[in-house]
Amino acid sequence: MAEQPPCPHSNIEAQVQARPTAMLPQGQRYQVLVRVRCAACTVPLTFELPPGFVGDTMHAATMSSDAFEARLGATLKTPVPMSDVGPWLAVTVLPEDTTPAPTSPLPVPAPV
């Protein structure tokens, strides 16, 4: 059996979720979670941020302990009542070929 060439990782997809966390005087505060992977082979990109949780500090960007998820703090400058936002907002970025990205959360790869 011939050996498969390595994946060129030319089709990247991302999953972004934003959850309201607090209403501040300057606007609505969100926790934004970002995961990125190769659409062809599902290998995740790793982030280069300090590990931790959003909320450790108000303005720090952190990552999960496996480095596959970036955790960002963000503020929507126009105040929006929490009841109008809902518990989660989700955005899926489609790959360049416009094939629909998975609607379920990205799986976490098994430890190596």
PDB file of N, CA and C in Angstrom:
ATOM      1  N   MET A   1       0.846  -1.189   0.000  1.00  0.00           N
ATOM      2  CA  MET A   1       0.000   0.000   0.000  1.00  0.00           C
ATOM      3  C   MET A   1       0.888   1.248   0.000  1.00  0.00           C
ATOM      4  N   ALA A   2       0.579   2.175  -0.881  1.00  0.00           N
ATOM      5  CA  ALA A   2       1.381   3.389  -1.008  1.00  0.00           C
ATOM      6  C   ALA A   2       1.145   4.316   0.185  1.00  0.00           C
ATOM      7  N   GLU A   3       2.207   4.977   0.565  1.00  0.00           N
ATOM      8  CA  GLU A   3       2.104   5.915   1.693  1.00  0.00           C
ATOM      9  C   GLU A   3       1.378   7.185   1.241  1.00  0.00           C
ATOM     10  N   GLN A   4       0.462   7.658   2.076  1.00  0.00           N
ATOM     11  CA  GLN A   4      -0.299   8.870   1.774  1.00  0.00           C
ATOM     12  C   GLN A   4       0.613  10.089   1.922  1.00  0.00           C
ATOM     13  N   PRO A   5       0.515  11.056   1.001  1.00  0.00           N
ATOM     14  CA  PRO A   5       1.294  12.282   1.190  1.00  0.00           C
ATOM     15  C   PRO A   5       0.733  13.049   2.389  1.00  0.00           C
ATOM     16  N   PRO A   6       1.574  13.836   3.044  1.00  0.00           N
ATOM     17  CA  PRO A   6       1.074  14.597   4.190  1.00  0.00           C
ATOM     18  C   PRO A   6       0.010  15.609   3.772  1.00  0.00           C
ATOM     19  N   CYS A   7      -0.909  15.870   4.680  1.00  0.00           N
ATOM     20  CA  CYS A   7      -1.971  16.841   4.404  1.00  0.00           C
ATOM     21  C   CYS A   7      -1.347  18.234   4.250  1.00  0.00           C
ATOM     22  N   PRO A   8      -1.723  18.991   3.216  1.00  0.00           N
ATOM     23  CA  PRO A   8      -1.163  20.333   3.045  1.00  0.00           C
ATOM     24  C   PRO A   8      -1.824  21.382   3.955  1.00  0.00           C
ATOM     25  N   HIS A   9      -2.863  20.978   4.688  1.00  0.00           N
ATOM     26  CA  HIS A   9      -3.592  21.898   5.586  1.00  0.00           C
ATOM     27  C   HIS A   9      -4.000  23.169   4.845  1.00  0.00           C
ATOM     28  N   SER A  10      -4.539  23.012   3.651  1.00  0.00           N
ATOM     29  CA  SER A  10      -4.904  24.175   2.837  1.00  0.00           C
ATOM     30  C   SER A  10      -6.353  24.608   3.019  1.00  0.00           C
ATOM     31  N   ASN A  11      -7.132  23.859   3.779  1.00  0.00           N
ATOM     32  CA  ASN A  11      -8.536  24.204   3.994  1.00  0.00           C
ATOM     33  C   ASN A  11      -8.766  24.262   5.508  1.00  0.00           C
ATOM     34  N   ILE A  12      -8.769  25.445   6.050  1.00  0.00           N
ATOM     35  CA  ILE A  12      -8.851  25.656   7.497  1.00  0.00           C
ATOM     36  C   ILE A  12     -10.261  26.101   7.863  1.00  0.00           C
ATOM     37  N   GLU A  13     -10.780  25.564   8.972  1.00  0.00           N
ATOM     38  CA  GLU A  13     -12.095  25.986   9.459  1.00  0.00           C
ATOM     39  C   GLU A  13     -11.971  26.409  10.919  1.00  0.00           C
ATOM     40  N   ALA A  14     -12.884  27.292  11.336  1.00  0.00           N
ATOM     41  CA  ALA A  14     -12.854  27.815  12.696  1.00  0.00           C
ATOM     42  C   ALA A  14     -14.244  27.772  13.305  1.00  0.00           C
ATOM     43  N   GLN A  15     -14.276  27.607  14.604  1.00  0.00           N
ATOM     44  CA  GLN A  15     -15.518  27.683  15.369  1.00  0.00           C
ATOM     45  C   GLN A  15     -15.323  28.779  16.411  1.00  0.00           C
ATOM     46  N   VAL A  16     -16.272  29.695  16.467  1.00  0.00           N
ATOM     47  CA  VAL A  16     -16.202  30.808  17.411  1.00  0.00           C
ATOM     48  C   VAL A  16     -17.513  30.847  18.183  1.00  0.00           C
ATOM     49  N   GLN A  17     -17.423  30.915  19.500  1.00  0.00           N
ATOM     50  CA  GLN A  17     -18.602  31.063  20.349  1.00  0.00           C
ATOM     51  C   GLN A  17     -18.389  32.282  21.242  1.00  0.00           C
ATOM     52  N   ALA A  18     -19.449  33.037  21.453  1.00  0.00           N
ATOM     53  CA  ALA A  18     -19.394  34.200  22.342  1.00  0.00           C
ATOM     54  C   ALA A  18     -20.517  34.083  23.358  1.00  0.00           C
ATOM     55  N   ARG A  19     -20.171  34.245  24.638  1.00  0.00           N
ATOM     56  CA  ARG A  19     -21.160  34.130  25.709  1.00  0.00           C
ATOM     57  C   ARG A  19     -21.114  35.410  26.541  1.00  0.00           C
ATOM     58  N   PRO A  20     -22.261  36.051  26.758  1.00  0.00           N
ATOM     59  CA  PRO A  20     -22.258  37.253  27.594  1.00  0.00           C
ATOM     60  C   PRO A  20     -21.901  36.884  29.031  1.00  0.00           C
ATOM     61  N   THR A  21     -21.041  37.697  29.625  1.00  0.00           N
ATOM     62  CA  THR A  21     -20.611  37.411  30.993  1.00  0.00           C
ATOM     63  C   THR A  21     -20.967  38.513  31.975  1.00  0.00           C
ATOM     64  N   ALA A  22     -20.965  39.765  31.529  1.00  0.00           N
ATOM     65  CA  ALA A  22     -21.241  40.866  32.457  1.00  0.00           C
ATOM     66  C   ALA A  22     -21.625  42.113  31.684  1.00  0.00           C
ATOM     67  N   MET A  23     -22.422  42.956  32.309  1.00  0.00           N
ATOM     68  CA  MET A  23     -22.733  44.264  31.743  1.00  0.00           C
ATOM     69  C   MET A  23     -21.840  45.276  32.461  1.00  0.00           C
ATOM     70  N   LEU A  24     -20.992  45.945  31.712  1.00  0.00           N
ATOM     71  CA  LEU A  24     -20.082  46.942  32.261  1.00  0.00           C
ATOM     72  C   LEU A  24     -20.545  48.325  31.836  1.00  0.00           C
ATOM     73  N   PRO A  25     -20.084  49.371  32.491  1.00  0.00           N
ATOM     74  CA  PRO A  25     -20.484  50.729  32.075  1.00  0.00           C
ATOM     75  C   PRO A  25     -20.168  51.012  30.605  1.00  0.00           C
ATOM     76  N   GLN A  26     -19.072  50.447  30.088  1.00  0.00           N
ATOM     77  CA  GLN A  26     -18.705  50.696  28.689  1.00  0.00           C
ATOM     78  C   GLN A  26     -19.391  49.765  27.706  1.00  0.00           C
ATOM     79  N   GLY A  27     -20.157  48.770  28.176  1.00  0.00           N
ATOM     80  CA  GLY A  27     -20.887  47.878  27.272  1.00  0.00           C
ATOM     81  C   GLY A  27     -20.923  46.446  27.770  1.00  0.00           C
ATOM     82  N   GLN A  28     -21.467  45.571  26.947  1.00  0.00           N
ATOM     83  CA  GLN A  28     -21.626  44.154  27.286  1.00  0.00           C
ATOM     84  C   GLN A  28     -20.291  43.423  27.177  1.00  0.00           C
ATOM     85  N   ARG A  29     -19.920  42.668  28.185  1.00  0.00           N
ATOM     86  CA  ARG A  29     -18.679  41.878  28.204  1.00  0.00           C
ATOM     87  C   ARG A  29     -18.998  40.456  27.759  1.00  0.00           C
ATOM     88  N   TYR A  30     -18.118  39.873  26.918  1.00  0.00           N
ATOM     89  CA  TYR A  30     -18.291  38.517  26.406  1.00  0.00           C
ATOM     90  C   TYR A  30     -17.051  37.682  26.665  1.00  0.00           C
ATOM     91  N   GLN A  31     -17.277  36.391  26.793  1.00  0.00           N
ATOM     92  CA  GLN A  31     -16.206  35.405  26.753  1.00  0.00           C
ATOM     93  C   GLN A  31     -16.271  34.802  25.355  1.00  0.00           C
ATOM     94  N   VAL A  32     -15.185  34.892  24.600  1.00  0.00           N
ATOM     95  CA  VAL A  32     -15.143  34.397  23.232  1.00  0.00           C
ATOM     96  C   VAL A  32     -14.204  33.190  23.192  1.00  0.00           C
ATOM     97  N   LEU A  33     -14.725  32.056  22.713  1.00  0.00           N
ATOM     98  CA  LEU A  33     -13.951  30.822  22.617  1.00  0.00           C
ATOM     99  C   LEU A  33     -13.707  30.523  21.145  1.00  0.00           C
ATOM    100  N   VAL A  34     -12.458  30.250  20.777  1.00  0.00           N
ATOM    101  CA  VAL A  34     -12.088  30.050  19.381  1.00  0.00           C
ATOM    102  C   VAL A  34     -11.351  28.713  19.242  1.00  0.00           C
ATOM    103  N   ARG A  35     -11.792  27.894  18.291  1.00  0.00           N
ATOM    104  CA  ARG A  35     -11.104  26.646  17.922  1.00  0.00           C
ATOM    105  C   ARG A  35     -10.895  26.678  16.410  1.00  0.00           C
ATOM    106  N   VAL A  36      -9.721  26.241  15.958  1.00  0.00           N
ATOM    107  CA  VAL A  36      -9.378  26.245  14.535  1.00  0.00           C
ATOM    108  C   VAL A  36      -8.752  24.893  14.210  1.00  0.00           C
ATOM    109  N   ARG A  37      -9.129  24.319  13.046  1.00  0.00           N
ATOM    110  CA  ARG A  37      -8.550  23.035  12.649  1.00  0.00           C
ATOM    111  C   ARG A  37      -8.501  22.924  11.131  1.00  0.00           C
ATOM    112  N   CYS A  38      -7.745  21.945  10.654  1.00  0.00           N
ATOM    113  CA  CYS A  38      -7.713  21.610   9.231  1.00  0.00           C
ATOM    114  C   CYS A  38      -9.011  20.872   8.911  1.00  0.00           C
ATOM    115  N   ALA A  39      -9.724  21.319   7.908  1.00  0.00           N
ATOM    116  CA  ALA A  39     -10.993  20.686   7.544  1.00  0.00           C
ATOM    117  C   ALA A  39     -10.776  19.302   6.942  1.00  0.00           C
ATOM    118  N   ALA A  40      -9.647  19.075   6.318  1.00  0.00           N
ATOM    119  CA  ALA A  40      -9.398  17.795   5.651  1.00  0.00           C
ATOM    120  C   ALA A  40      -8.991  16.700   6.633  1.00  0.00           C
ATOM    121  N   CYS A  41      -8.033  16.990   7.505  1.00  0.00           N
ATOM    122  CA  CYS A  41      -7.506  15.939   8.388  1.00  0.00           C
ATOM    123  C   CYS A  41      -7.892  16.146   9.851  1.00  0.00           C
ATOM    124  N   THR A  42      -8.563  17.229  10.173  1.00  0.00           N
ATOM    125  CA  THR A  42      -9.067  17.609  11.506  1.00  0.00           C
ATOM    126  C   THR A  42      -7.981  17.860  12.550  1.00  0.00           C
ATOM    127  N   VAL A  43      -6.728  18.028  12.128  1.00  0.00           N
ATOM    128  CA  VAL A  43      -5.675  18.369  13.080  1.00  0.00           C
ATOM    129  C   VAL A  43      -5.924  19.796  13.563  1.00  0.00           C
ATOM    130  N   PRO A  44      -5.970  20.004  14.885  1.00  0.00           N
ATOM    131  CA  PRO A  44      -6.235  21.347  15.396  1.00  0.00           C
ATOM    132  C   PRO A  44      -4.990  22.233  15.363  1.00  0.00           C
ATOM    133  N   LEU A  45      -5.213  23.520  15.168  1.00  0.00           N
ATOM    134  CA  LEU A  45      -4.145  24.489  15.338  1.00  0.00           C
ATOM    135  C   LEU A  45      -3.972  24.699  16.827  1.00  0.00           C
ATOM    136  N   THR A  46      -2.766  24.957  17.246  1.00  0.00           N
ATOM    137  CA  THR A  46      -2.528  25.249  18.652  1.00  0.00           C
ATOM    138  C   THR A  46      -2.258  26.735  18.810  1.00  0.00           C
ATOM    139  N   PHE A  47      -2.724  27.272  19.924  1.00  0.00           N
ATOM    140  CA  PHE A  47      -2.542  28.691  20.226  1.00  0.00           C
ATOM    141  C   PHE A  47      -1.305  28.873  21.091  1.00  0.00           C
ATOM    142  N   GLU A  48      -0.727  30.034  21.025  1.00  0.00           N
ATOM    143  CA  GLU A  48       0.466  30.353  21.800  1.00  0.00           C
ATOM    144  C   GLU A  48       0.132  31.498  22.753  1.00  0.00           C
ATOM    145  N   LEU A  49      -0.631  31.161  23.773  1.00  0.00           N
ATOM    146  CA  LEU A  49      -1.081  32.108  24.792  1.00  0.00           C
ATOM    147  C   LEU A  49      -0.823  31.489  26.156  1.00  0.00           C
ATOM    148  N   PRO A  50      -0.839  32.284  27.211  1.00  0.00           N
ATOM    149  CA  PRO A  50      -0.721  31.677  28.538  1.00  0.00           C
ATOM    150  C   PRO A  50      -1.972  30.869  28.863  1.00  0.00           C
ATOM    151  N   PRO A  51      -1.826  29.729  29.547  1.00  0.00           N
ATOM    152  CA  PRO A  51      -3.011  28.948  29.915  1.00  0.00           C
ATOM    153  C   PRO A  51      -3.824  29.664  30.981  1.00  0.00           C
ATOM    154  N   GLY A  52      -5.123  29.437  30.977  1.00  0.00           N
ATOM    155  CA  GLY A  52      -5.983  30.038  31.994  1.00  0.00           C
ATOM    156  C   GLY A  52      -7.391  30.203  31.496  1.00  0.00           C
ATOM    157  N   PHE A  53      -8.185  30.901  32.293  1.00  0.00           N
ATOM    158  CA  PHE A  53      -9.588  31.128  31.985  1.00  0.00           C
ATOM    159  C   PHE A  53      -9.819  32.612  31.769  1.00  0.00           C
ATOM    160  N   VAL A  54     -10.720  32.949  30.842  1.00  0.00           N
ATOM    161  CA  VAL A  54     -11.129  34.340  30.708  1.00  0.00           C
ATOM    162  C   VAL A  54     -11.771  34.720  32.028  1.00  0.00           C
ATOM    163  N   GLY A  55     -11.392  35.832  32.567  1.00  0.00           N
ATOM    164  CA  GLY A  55     -11.886  36.220  33.879  1.00  0.00           C
ATOM    165  C   GLY A  55     -10.761  36.191  34.896  1.00  0.00           C
ATOM    166  N   ASP A  56      -9.664  35.455  34.581  1.00  0.00           N
ATOM    167  CA  ASP A  56      -8.498  35.519  35.457  1.00  0.00           C
ATOM    168  C   ASP A  56      -8.063  36.980  35.581  1.00  0.00           C
ATOM    169  N   THR A  57      -8.058  37.659  34.439  1.00  0.00           N
ATOM    170  CA  THR A  57      -7.897  39.112  34.404  1.00  0.00           C
ATOM    171  C   THR A  57      -8.888  39.613  33.366  1.00  0.00           C
ATOM    172  N   MET A  58      -9.299  40.842  33.472  1.00  0.00           N
ATOM    173  CA  MET A  58     -10.334  41.357  32.571  1.00  0.00           C
ATOM    174  C   MET A  58      -9.881  41.458  31.120  1.00  0.00           C
ATOM    175  N   HIS A  59      -8.584  41.637  30.862  1.00  0.00           N
ATOM    176  CA  HIS A  59      -8.155  41.913  29.494  1.00  0.00           C
ATOM    177  C   HIS A  59      -7.206  40.867  28.932  1.00  0.00           C
ATOM    178  N   ALA A  60      -6.943  39.790  29.663  1.00  0.00           N
ATOM    179  CA  ALA A  60      -5.979  38.790  29.201  1.00  0.00           C
ATOM    180  C   ALA A  60      -6.614  37.824  28.210  1.00  0.00           C
ATOM    181  N   ALA A  61      -5.842  37.444  27.215  1.00  0.00           N
ATOM    182  CA  ALA A  61      -6.217  36.356  26.325  1.00  0.00           C
ATOM    183  C   ALA A  61      -5.494  35.122  26.852  1.00  0.00           C
ATOM    184  N   THR A  62      -6.208  34.022  26.958  1.00  0.00           N
ATOM    185  CA  THR A  62      -5.610  32.797  27.468  1.00  0.00           C
ATOM    186  C   THR A  62      -5.959  31.647  26.532  1.00  0.00           C
ATOM    187  N   MET A  63      -5.455  30.451  26.863  1.00  0.00           N
ATOM    188  CA  MET A  63      -5.780  29.263  26.076  1.00  0.00           C
ATOM    189  C   MET A  63      -6.097  28.117  27.020  1.00  0.00           C
ATOM    190  N   SER A  64      -6.735  27.078  26.471  1.00  0.00           N
ATOM    191  CA  SER A  64      -7.018  25.870  27.239  1.00  0.00           C
ATOM    192  C   SER A  64      -5.702  25.143  27.524  1.00  0.00           C
ATOM    193  N   SER A  65      -5.736  24.205  28.457  1.00  0.00           N
ATOM    194  CA  SER A  65      -4.507  23.498  28.833  1.00  0.00           C
ATOM    195  C   SER A  65      -3.940  22.670  27.680  1.00  0.00           C
ATOM    196  N   ASP A  66      -4.773  22.260  26.717  1.00  0.00           N
ATOM    197  CA  ASP A  66      -4.265  21.515  25.560  1.00  0.00           C
ATOM    198  C   ASP A  66      -3.854  22.431  24.400  1.00  0.00           C
ATOM    199  N   ALA A  67      -4.053  23.741  24.549  1.00  0.00           N
ATOM    200  CA  ALA A  67      -3.681  24.772  23.567  1.00  0.00           C
ATOM    201  C   ALA A  67      -4.556  24.779  22.320  1.00  0.00           C
ATOM    202  N   PHE A  68      -5.653  24.015  22.285  1.00  0.00           N
ATOM    203  CA  PHE A  68      -6.518  23.950  21.111  1.00  0.00           C
ATOM    204  C   PHE A  68      -7.615  25.014  21.119  1.00  0.00           C
ATOM    205  N   GLU A  69      -7.826  25.718  22.233  1.00  0.00           N
ATOM    206  CA  GLU A  69      -8.888  26.712  22.329  1.00  0.00           C
ATOM    207  C   GLU A  69      -8.328  28.019  22.877  1.00  0.00           C
ATOM    208  N   ALA A  70      -8.568  29.112  22.148  1.00  0.00           N
ATOM    209  CA  ALA A  70      -8.215  30.443  22.637  1.00  0.00           C
ATOM    210  C   ALA A  70      -9.414  30.987  23.399  1.00  0.00           C
ATOM    211  N   ARG A  71      -9.156  31.651  24.505  1.00  0.00           N
ATOM    212  CA  ARG A  71     -10.211  32.234  25.339  1.00  0.00           C
ATOM    213  C   ARG A  71      -9.940  33.728  25.422  1.00  0.00           C
ATOM    214  N   LEU A  72     -10.865  34.492  24.888  1.00  0.00           N
ATOM    215  CA  LEU A  72     -10.680  35.934  24.747  1.00  0.00           C
ATOM    216  C   LEU A  72     -11.777  36.692  25.465  1.00  0.00           C
ATOM    217  N   GLY A  73     -11.450  37.831  25.986  1.00  0.00           N
ATOM    218  CA  GLY A  73     -12.442  38.739  26.530  1.00  0.00           C
ATOM    219  C   GLY A  73     -12.759  39.792  25.478  1.00  0.00           C
ATOM    220  N   ALA A  74     -14.014  40.174  25.363  1.00  0.00           N
ATOM    221  CA  ALA A  74     -14.417  41.180  24.382  1.00  0.00           C
ATOM    222  C   ALA A  74     -15.572  41.990  24.943  1.00  0.00           C
ATOM    223  N   THR A  75     -15.698  43.223  24.484  1.00  0.00           N
ATOM    224  CA  THR A  75     -16.775  44.100  24.927  1.00  0.00           C
ATOM    225  C   THR A  75     -17.521  44.638  23.725  1.00  0.00           C
ATOM    226  N   LEU A  76     -18.840  44.514  23.747  1.00  0.00           N
ATOM    227  CA  LEU A  76     -19.701  45.111  22.736  1.00  0.00           C
ATOM    228  C   LEU A  76     -20.031  46.509  23.248  1.00  0.00           C
ATOM    229  N   LYS A  77     -19.601  47.518  22.555  1.00  0.00           N
ATOM    230  CA  LYS A  77     -19.708  48.896  23.047  1.00  0.00           C
ATOM    231  C   LYS A  77     -21.136  49.415  23.149  1.00  0.00           C
ATOM    232  N   THR A  78     -22.066  48.840  22.386  1.00  0.00           N
ATOM    233  CA  THR A  78     -23.456  49.253  22.496  1.00  0.00           C
ATOM    234  C   THR A  78     -24.129  48.391  23.551  1.00  0.00           C
ATOM    235  N   PRO A  79     -24.604  48.967  24.649  1.00  0.00           N
ATOM    236  CA  PRO A  79     -25.242  48.139  25.673  1.00  0.00           C
ATOM    237  C   PRO A  79     -26.442  47.375  25.119  1.00  0.00           C
ATOM    238  N   VAL A  80     -26.482  46.075  25.388  1.00  0.00           N
ATOM    239  CA  VAL A  80     -27.566  45.197  24.963  1.00  0.00           C
ATOM    240  C   VAL A  80     -28.057  44.461  26.198  1.00  0.00           C
ATOM    241  N   PRO A  81     -29.366  44.489  26.495  1.00  0.00           N
ATOM    242  CA  PRO A  81     -29.851  43.739  27.665  1.00  0.00           C
ATOM    243  C   PRO A  81     -29.531  42.261  27.533  1.00  0.00           C
ATOM    244  N   MET A  82     -29.117  41.630  28.634  1.00  0.00           N
ATOM    245  CA  MET A  82     -28.774  40.207  28.624  1.00  0.00           C
ATOM    246  C   MET A  82     -29.924  39.359  28.088  1.00  0.00           C
ATOM    247  N   SER A  83     -31.171  39.724  28.375  1.00  0.00           N
ATOM    248  CA  SER A  83     -32.314  38.928  27.930  1.00  0.00           C
ATOM    249  C   SER A  83     -32.452  38.937  26.414  1.00  0.00           C
ATOM    250  N   ASP A  84     -31.931  39.966  25.746  1.00  0.00           N
ATOM    251  CA  ASP A  84     -32.009  40.046  24.285  1.00  0.00           C
ATOM    252  C   ASP A  84     -30.908  39.252  23.598  1.00  0.00           C
ATOM    253  N   VAL A  85     -29.871  38.842  24.332  1.00  0.00           N
ATOM    254  CA  VAL A  85     -28.718  38.183  23.744  1.00  0.00           C
ATOM    255  C   VAL A  85     -28.875  36.674  23.756  1.00  0.00           C
ATOM    256  N   GLY A  86     -29.430  36.111  24.813  1.00  0.00           N
ATOM    257  CA  GLY A  86     -29.523  34.656  24.938  1.00  0.00           C
ATOM    258  C   GLY A  86     -28.265  34.104  25.573  1.00  0.00           C
ATOM    259  N   PRO A  87     -28.263  32.812  25.880  1.00  0.00           N
ATOM    260  CA  PRO A  87     -27.134  32.245  26.601  1.00  0.00           C
ATOM    261  C   PRO A  87     -25.866  32.121  25.761  1.00  0.00           C
ATOM    262  N   TRP A  88     -25.958  31.875  24.450  1.00  0.00           N
ATOM    263  CA  TRP A  88     -24.784  31.729  23.592  1.00  0.00           C
ATOM    264  C   TRP A  88     -25.058  32.308  22.215  1.00  0.00           C
ATOM    265  N   LEU A  89     -24.060  32.905  21.640  1.00  0.00           N
ATOM    266  CA  LEU A  89     -24.069  33.268  20.231  1.00  0.00           C
ATOM    267  C   LEU A  89     -23.019  32.376  19.587  1.00  0.00           C
ATOM    268  N   ALA A  90     -23.262  31.863  18.413  1.00  0.00           N
ATOM    269  CA  ALA A  90     -22.274  31.009  17.759  1.00  0.00           C
ATOM    270  C   ALA A  90     -22.101  31.451  16.318  1.00  0.00           C
ATOM    271  N   VAL A  91     -20.864  31.472  15.853  1.00  0.00           N
ATOM    272  CA  VAL A  91     -20.534  31.831  14.482  1.00  0.00           C
ATOM    273  C   VAL A  91     -19.665  30.719  13.930  1.00  0.00           C
ATOM    274  N   THR A  92     -19.989  30.241  12.749  1.00  0.00           N
ATOM    275  CA  THR A  92     -19.154  29.246  12.080  1.00  0.00           C
ATOM    276  C   THR A  92     -18.569  29.890  10.842  1.00  0.00           C
ATOM    277  N   VAL A  93     -17.247  29.828  10.703  1.00  0.00           N
ATOM    278  CA  VAL A  93     -16.564  30.361   9.537  1.00  0.00           C
ATOM    279  C   VAL A  93     -16.436  29.222   8.534  1.00  0.00           C
ATOM    280  N   LEU A  94     -16.978  29.437   7.336  1.00  0.00           N
ATOM    281  CA  LEU A  94     -16.932  28.397   6.322  1.00  0.00           C
ATOM    282  C   LEU A  94     -15.572  28.373   5.642  1.00  0.00           C
ATOM    283  N   PRO A  95     -15.095  27.180   5.265  1.00  0.00           N
ATOM    284  CA  PRO A  95     -13.848  27.082   4.504  1.00  0.00           C
ATOM    285  C   PRO A  95     -13.996  27.787   3.165  1.00  0.00           C
ATOM    286  N   GLU A  96     -12.898  28.000   2.479  1.00  0.00           N
ATOM    287  CA  GLU A  96     -12.916  28.714   1.205  1.00  0.00           C
ATOM    288  C   GLU A  96     -13.812  28.045   0.164  1.00  0.00           C
ATOM    289  N   ASP A  97     -13.918  26.714   0.192  1.00  0.00           N
ATOM    290  CA  ASP A  97     -14.729  26.052  -0.823  1.00  0.00           C
ATOM    291  C   ASP A  97     -16.224  26.097  -0.486  1.00  0.00           C
ATOM    292  N   THR A  98     -16.603  26.767   0.567  1.00  0.00           N
ATOM    293  CA  THR A  98     -17.975  26.980   1.038  1.00  0.00           C
ATOM    294  C   THR A  98     -18.710  25.693   1.405  1.00  0.00           C
ATOM    295  N   THR A  99     -17.982  24.601   1.612  1.00  0.00           N
ATOM    296  CA  THR A  99     -18.609  23.397   2.142  1.00  0.00           C
ATOM    297  C   THR A  99     -19.054  23.713   3.561  1.00  0.00           C
ATOM    298  N   PRO A 100     -20.311  23.408   3.938  1.00  0.00           N
ATOM    299  CA  PRO A 100     -20.744  23.761   5.286  1.00  0.00           C
ATOM    300  C   PRO A 100     -19.855  23.131   6.354  1.00  0.00           C
ATOM    301  N   ALA A 101     -19.475  23.945   7.317  1.00  0.00           N
ATOM    302  CA  ALA A 101     -18.674  23.461   8.440  1.00  0.00           C
ATOM    303  C   ALA A 101     -19.574  22.664   9.379  1.00  0.00           C
ATOM    304  N   PRO A 102     -18.993  21.792  10.201  1.00  0.00           N
ATOM    305  CA  PRO A 102     -19.826  21.025  11.138  1.00  0.00           C
ATOM    306  C   PRO A 102     -20.574  21.951  12.079  1.00  0.00           C
ATOM    307  N   THR A 103     -21.785  21.570  12.418  1.00  0.00           N
ATOM    308  CA  THR A 103     -22.579  22.399  13.312  1.00  0.00           C
ATOM    309  C   THR A 103     -22.369  22.031  14.766  1.00  0.00           C
ATOM    310  N   SER A 104     -21.765  20.885  15.018  1.00  0.00           N
ATOM    311  CA  SER A 104     -21.491  20.498  16.393  1.00  0.00           C
ATOM    312  C   SER A 104     -20.126  21.030  16.798  1.00  0.00           C
ATOM    313  N   PRO A 105     -19.877  21.147  18.105  1.00  0.00           N
ATOM    314  CA  PRO A 105     -18.564  21.628  18.541  1.00  0.00           C
ATOM    315  C   PRO A 105     -17.458  20.718  18.017  1.00  0.00           C
ATOM    316  N   LEU A 106     -16.291  21.301  17.799  1.00  0.00           N
ATOM    317  CA  LEU A 106     -15.161  20.520  17.314  1.00  0.00           C
ATOM    318  C   LEU A 106     -14.759  19.509  18.376  1.00  0.00           C
ATOM    319  N   PRO A 107     -14.482  18.279  17.965  1.00  0.00           N
ATOM    320  CA  PRO A 107     -14.058  17.284  18.941  1.00  0.00           C
ATOM    321  C   PRO A 107     -12.667  17.594  19.475  1.00  0.00           C
ATOM    322  N   VAL A 108     -12.427  17.233  20.691  1.00  0.00           N
ATOM    323  CA  VAL A 108     -11.118  17.414  21.282  1.00  0.00           C
ATOM    324  C   VAL A 108     -10.318  16.153  20.978  1.00  0.00           C
ATOM    325  N   PRO A 109      -9.160  16.286  20.310  1.00  0.00           N
ATOM    326  CA  PRO A 109      -8.370  15.107  19.979  1.00  0.00           C
ATOM    327  C   PRO A 109      -7.915  14.383  21.236  1.00  0.00           C
ATOM    328  N   ALA A 110      -7.749  13.068  21.107  1.00  0.00           N
ATOM    329  CA  ALA A 110      -7.256  12.267  22.226  1.00  0.00           C
ATOM    330  C   ALA A 110      -5.802  12.620  22.494  1.00  0.00           C
ATOM    331  N   PRO A 111      -5.384  12.572  23.763  1.00  0.00           N
ATOM    332  CA  PRO A 111      -3.989  12.860  24.079  1.00  0.00           C
ATOM    333  C   PRO A 111      -3.067  11.878  23.360  1.00  0.00           C
ATOM    334  N   VAL A 112      -1.904  12.359  22.989  1.00  0.00           N
ATOM    335  CA  VAL A 112      -0.931  11.526  22.260  1.00  0.00           C
ATOM    336  C   VAL A 112      -0.038  10.822  23.243  1.00  0.00           C
TER     337      VAL A 112
END
